[in-house]
Amino acid sequence: MGEKRRFRYWNFEKLKQWICNKKVLEYLLGDQFHIETVKRSAGIMKFLANQNALTHEHLDLLWKSTFNAHEASIRAIYDVIIELSSEISVDVIF
């Protein structure tokens, strides 16, 4: 019961900080990424973009995931980029 109660006090700011501090995207998009984790990371990236916490480094990680990747993985990454395109601010792109 203690675990359930602790999460009641989380808000968007705490969640954003936790994702960034624990380097969740770095883990999901790291060297040993899987196509399913890339697909599901879109939700996390959209959340960070909406919280103004998605960085240029996060996008670089996404692009670097395409290097030497299988065609299906590349397609999934491009789908994530397209999905993020409406959420990303211009400051993050440049």
N, C-alpha and C. Protein backbone atom coordinates (compact mmCIF):
# COMPACT_ATOMS: atom_id res chain seq x y z
N MET A 1 0.81 -1.19 0.00
CA MET A 1 0.00 0.00 0.00
C MET A 1 0.86 1.26 0.00
N GLY A 2 2.03 1.20 0.62
CA GLY A 2 2.93 2.35 0.66
C GLY A 2 3.36 2.80 -0.72
N GLU A 3 3.64 1.85 -1.62
CA GLU A 3 4.06 2.20 -2.98
C GLU A 3 2.94 2.92 -3.72
N LYS A 4 1.74 2.45 -3.60
CA LYS A 4 0.62 3.05 -4.30
C LYS A 4 0.39 4.48 -3.81
N ARG A 5 0.52 4.69 -2.56
CA ARG A 5 0.28 6.02 -1.99
C ARG A 5 1.34 7.02 -2.42
N ARG A 6 2.58 6.57 -2.54
CA ARG A 6 3.68 7.45 -2.90
C ARG A 6 3.47 8.08 -4.27
N PHE A 7 2.91 7.35 -5.21
CA PHE A 7 2.73 7.86 -6.56
C PHE A 7 1.56 8.84 -6.68
N ARG A 8 0.74 8.92 -5.69
CA ARG A 8 -0.39 9.84 -5.73
C ARG A 8 0.08 11.28 -5.81
N TYR A 9 1.27 11.57 -5.31
CA TYR A 9 1.77 12.93 -5.26
C TYR A 9 2.64 13.31 -6.46
N TRP A 10 2.72 12.43 -7.42
CA TRP A 10 3.48 12.75 -8.63
C TRP A 10 2.65 13.66 -9.51
N ASN A 11 3.33 14.58 -10.14
CA ASN A 11 2.69 15.46 -11.11
C ASN A 11 3.54 15.45 -12.38
N PHE A 12 3.16 16.24 -13.36
CA PHE A 12 3.89 16.27 -14.62
C PHE A 12 5.35 16.68 -14.42
N GLU A 13 5.57 17.64 -13.54
CA GLU A 13 6.93 18.13 -13.30
C GLU A 13 7.81 17.02 -12.70
N LYS A 14 7.29 16.29 -11.73
CA LYS A 14 8.06 15.20 -11.12
C LYS A 14 8.32 14.08 -12.12
N LEU A 15 7.32 13.77 -12.93
CA LEU A 15 7.49 12.73 -13.93
C LEU A 15 8.54 13.15 -14.96
N LYS A 16 8.48 14.40 -15.39
CA LYS A 16 9.47 14.93 -16.35
C LYS A 16 10.88 14.83 -15.76
N GLN A 17 11.03 15.25 -14.52
CA GLN A 17 12.34 15.19 -13.87
C GLN A 17 12.83 13.75 -13.74
N TRP A 18 11.94 12.85 -13.39
CA TRP A 18 12.32 11.45 -13.24
C TRP A 18 12.79 10.87 -14.58
N ILE A 19 12.05 11.13 -15.65
CA ILE A 19 12.42 10.63 -16.98
C ILE A 19 13.79 11.17 -17.38
N CYS A 20 14.01 12.45 -17.14
CA CYS A 20 15.29 13.06 -17.52
C CYS A 20 16.43 12.59 -16.62
N ASN A 21 16.21 12.55 -15.31
CA ASN A 21 17.26 12.14 -14.37
C ASN A 21 17.67 10.68 -14.55
N LYS A 22 16.70 9.83 -14.83
CA LYS A 22 16.99 8.40 -15.01
C LYS A 22 17.44 8.06 -16.43
N LYS A 23 17.45 9.09 -17.31
CA LYS A 23 17.89 8.92 -18.70
C LYS A 23 17.12 7.80 -19.40
N VAL A 24 15.82 7.86 -19.28
CA VAL A 24 14.95 6.83 -19.84
C VAL A 24 15.09 6.75 -21.36
N LEU A 25 15.07 7.90 -22.04
CA LEU A 25 15.19 7.87 -23.50
C LEU A 25 16.55 7.37 -23.94
N GLU A 26 17.60 7.73 -23.21
CA GLU A 26 18.93 7.25 -23.54
C GLU A 26 18.99 5.72 -23.45
N TYR A 27 18.29 5.18 -22.47
CA TYR A 27 18.24 3.73 -22.32
C TYR A 27 17.42 3.09 -23.44
N LEU A 28 16.24 3.65 -23.72
CA LEU A 28 15.36 3.07 -24.73
C LEU A 28 15.92 3.15 -26.13
N LEU A 29 16.66 4.22 -26.41
CA LEU A 29 17.19 4.42 -27.76
C LEU A 29 18.69 4.15 -27.86
N GLY A 30 19.22 3.49 -26.86
CA GLY A 30 20.65 3.20 -26.83
C GLY A 30 21.08 2.19 -27.87
N ASP A 31 22.29 1.71 -27.71
CA ASP A 31 22.89 0.81 -28.70
C ASP A 31 22.08 -0.46 -28.94
N GLN A 32 21.44 -0.97 -27.93
CA GLN A 32 20.71 -2.23 -28.05
C GLN A 32 19.20 -2.03 -28.11
N PHE A 33 18.77 -0.96 -28.78
CA PHE A 33 17.34 -0.68 -28.83
C PHE A 33 16.59 -1.77 -29.59
N HIS A 34 15.33 -1.86 -29.32
CA HIS A 34 14.44 -2.81 -29.99
C HIS A 34 13.36 -2.02 -30.70
N ILE A 35 12.87 -2.52 -31.77
CA ILE A 35 11.88 -1.81 -32.58
C ILE A 35 10.64 -1.43 -31.76
N GLU A 36 10.21 -2.31 -30.86
CA GLU A 36 9.03 -2.03 -30.05
C GLU A 36 9.28 -0.91 -29.05
N THR A 37 10.49 -0.84 -28.49
CA THR A 37 10.78 0.25 -27.55
C THR A 37 10.83 1.58 -28.28
N VAL A 38 11.29 1.56 -29.53
CA VAL A 38 11.30 2.79 -30.32
C VAL A 38 9.86 3.25 -30.56
N LYS A 39 9.01 2.34 -30.95
CA LYS A 39 7.60 2.69 -31.20
C LYS A 39 6.94 3.27 -29.95
N ARG A 40 7.22 2.66 -28.82
CA ARG A 40 6.56 3.08 -27.58
C ARG A 40 7.22 4.30 -26.94
N SER A 41 8.41 4.63 -27.38
CA SER A 41 9.07 5.81 -26.84
C SER A 41 8.44 7.11 -27.36
N ALA A 42 7.62 7.00 -28.40
CA ALA A 42 6.96 8.20 -28.95
C ALA A 42 6.11 8.89 -27.90
N GLY A 43 5.41 8.13 -27.09
CA GLY A 43 4.58 8.72 -26.04
C GLY A 43 5.41 9.49 -25.03
N ILE A 44 6.56 8.94 -24.67
CA ILE A 44 7.44 9.62 -23.72
C ILE A 44 7.99 10.89 -24.35
N MET A 45 8.38 10.81 -25.61
CA MET A 45 8.91 11.98 -26.30
C MET A 45 7.86 13.07 -26.46
N LYS A 46 6.64 12.67 -26.75
CA LYS A 46 5.56 13.66 -26.87
C LYS A 46 5.30 14.33 -25.52
N PHE A 47 5.34 13.55 -24.46
CA PHE A 47 5.18 14.12 -23.13
C PHE A 47 6.28 15.14 -22.85
N LEU A 48 7.53 14.76 -23.11
CA LEU A 48 8.64 15.68 -22.87
C LEU A 48 8.53 16.92 -23.75
N ALA A 49 8.10 16.76 -24.99
CA ALA A 49 7.93 17.92 -25.88
C ALA A 49 6.86 18.86 -25.33
N ASN A 50 5.78 18.31 -24.84
CA ASN A 50 4.71 19.14 -24.26
C ASN A 50 5.14 19.82 -22.98
N GLN A 51 6.12 19.26 -22.29
CA GLN A 51 6.64 19.84 -21.05
C GLN A 51 7.88 20.70 -21.31
N ASN A 52 8.20 20.95 -22.58
CA ASN A 52 9.39 21.71 -22.98
C ASN A 52 10.67 21.09 -22.42
N ALA A 53 10.73 19.77 -22.40
CA ALA A 53 11.90 19.07 -21.88
C ALA A 53 12.56 18.17 -22.92
N LEU A 54 12.00 18.12 -24.12
CA LEU A 54 12.62 17.33 -25.18
C LEU A 54 13.78 18.15 -25.74
N THR A 55 14.96 17.58 -25.73
CA THR A 55 16.15 18.33 -26.12
C THR A 55 16.65 17.91 -27.50
N HIS A 56 17.56 18.72 -27.98
CA HIS A 56 18.22 18.42 -29.25
C HIS A 56 18.97 17.08 -29.14
N GLU A 57 19.52 16.80 -27.97
CA GLU A 57 20.24 15.55 -27.75
C GLU A 57 19.31 14.34 -27.85
N HIS A 58 18.08 14.50 -27.39
CA HIS A 58 17.11 13.41 -27.52
C HIS A 58 16.82 13.12 -28.99
N LEU A 59 16.66 14.18 -29.77
CA LEU A 59 16.41 13.99 -31.20
C LEU A 59 17.62 13.39 -31.89
N ASP A 60 18.82 13.81 -31.49
CA ASP A 60 20.03 13.21 -32.04
C ASP A 60 20.09 11.71 -31.76
N LEU A 61 19.70 11.34 -30.55
CA LEU A 61 19.66 9.93 -30.19
C LEU A 61 18.72 9.16 -31.12
N LEU A 62 17.59 9.76 -31.40
CA LEU A 62 16.62 9.13 -32.28
C LEU A 62 17.20 8.95 -33.68
N TRP A 63 17.84 10.00 -34.20
CA TRP A 63 18.45 9.92 -35.53
C TRP A 63 19.58 8.90 -35.56
N LYS A 64 20.41 8.90 -34.53
CA LYS A 64 21.54 7.97 -34.48
C LYS A 64 21.09 6.53 -34.42
N SER A 65 19.88 6.30 -33.97
CA SER A 65 19.34 4.94 -33.92
C SER A 65 19.16 4.35 -35.32
N THR A 66 19.11 5.21 -36.33
CA THR A 66 18.93 4.72 -37.70
C THR A 66 20.22 4.16 -38.29
N PHE A 67 21.37 4.53 -37.73
CA PHE A 67 22.65 4.07 -38.27
C PHE A 67 22.77 2.56 -38.11
N ASN A 68 23.04 1.90 -39.21
CA ASN A 68 23.22 0.44 -39.24
C ASN A 68 22.02 -0.33 -38.68
N ALA A 69 20.84 0.26 -38.79
CA ALA A 69 19.63 -0.40 -38.29
C ALA A 69 18.94 -1.15 -39.42
N HIS A 70 18.14 -2.10 -39.04
CA HIS A 70 17.34 -2.85 -40.00
C HIS A 70 16.27 -1.94 -40.59
N GLU A 71 15.84 -2.24 -41.79
CA GLU A 71 14.86 -1.40 -42.48
C GLU A 71 13.58 -1.20 -41.68
N ALA A 72 13.11 -2.23 -41.02
CA ALA A 72 11.89 -2.12 -40.21
C ALA A 72 12.11 -1.16 -39.04
N SER A 73 13.29 -1.19 -38.45
CA SER A 73 13.60 -0.27 -37.35
C SER A 73 13.67 1.16 -37.84
N ILE A 74 14.28 1.36 -38.99
CA ILE A 74 14.36 2.69 -39.57
C ILE A 74 12.97 3.24 -39.85
N ARG A 75 12.11 2.41 -40.37
CA ARG A 75 10.74 2.82 -40.65
C ARG A 75 10.02 3.21 -39.36
N ALA A 76 10.22 2.46 -38.30
CA ALA A 76 9.60 2.78 -37.01
C ALA A 76 10.12 4.10 -36.47
N ILE A 77 11.41 4.36 -36.62
CA ILE A 77 12.00 5.62 -36.18
C ILE A 77 11.42 6.79 -36.96
N TYR A 78 11.29 6.62 -38.27
CA TYR A 78 10.70 7.68 -39.09
C TYR A 78 9.24 7.93 -38.69
N ASP A 79 8.52 6.88 -38.35
CA ASP A 79 7.14 7.04 -37.88
C ASP A 79 7.09 7.85 -36.59
N VAL A 80 8.03 7.61 -35.70
CA VAL A 80 8.10 8.37 -34.45
C VAL A 80 8.40 9.83 -34.75
N ILE A 81 9.31 10.08 -35.66
CA ILE A 81 9.66 11.45 -36.04
C ILE A 81 8.45 12.17 -36.62
N ILE A 82 7.71 11.50 -37.48
CA ILE A 82 6.51 12.09 -38.05
C ILE A 82 5.48 12.38 -36.95
N GLU A 83 5.32 11.44 -36.04
CA GLU A 83 4.38 11.63 -34.94
C GLU A 83 4.78 12.80 -34.04
N LEU A 84 6.07 12.99 -33.86
CA LEU A 84 6.57 14.07 -33.02
C LEU A 84 6.55 15.43 -33.70
N SER A 85 6.49 15.44 -35.01
CA SER A 85 6.66 16.69 -35.76
C SER A 85 5.68 17.78 -35.35
N SER A 86 4.50 17.42 -34.95
CA SER A 86 3.53 18.44 -34.54
C SER A 86 3.73 18.90 -33.09
N GLU A 87 4.55 18.18 -32.33
CA GLU A 87 4.75 18.48 -30.92
C GLU A 87 6.06 19.24 -30.64
N ILE A 88 7.02 19.12 -31.54
CA ILE A 88 8.36 19.67 -31.30
C ILE A 88 8.39 21.16 -31.57
N SER A 89 9.02 21.90 -30.66
CA SER A 89 9.18 23.33 -30.89
C SER A 89 10.37 23.56 -31.82
N VAL A 90 10.37 24.67 -32.48
CA VAL A 90 11.42 25.01 -33.43
C VAL A 90 12.78 25.12 -32.72
N ASP A 91 12.78 25.56 -31.48
CA ASP A 91 14.04 25.71 -30.73
C ASP A 91 14.76 24.38 -30.57
N VAL A 92 14.03 23.29 -30.46
CA VAL A 92 14.65 21.99 -30.28
C VAL A 92 15.28 21.50 -31.57
N ILE A 93 14.69 21.84 -32.69
CA ILE A 93 15.17 21.37 -33.98
C ILE A 93 16.50 22.00 -34.33
N PHE A 94 16.65 23.27 -34.07
CA PHE A 94 17.87 23.98 -34.46
C PHE A 94 18.73 24.19 -33.32
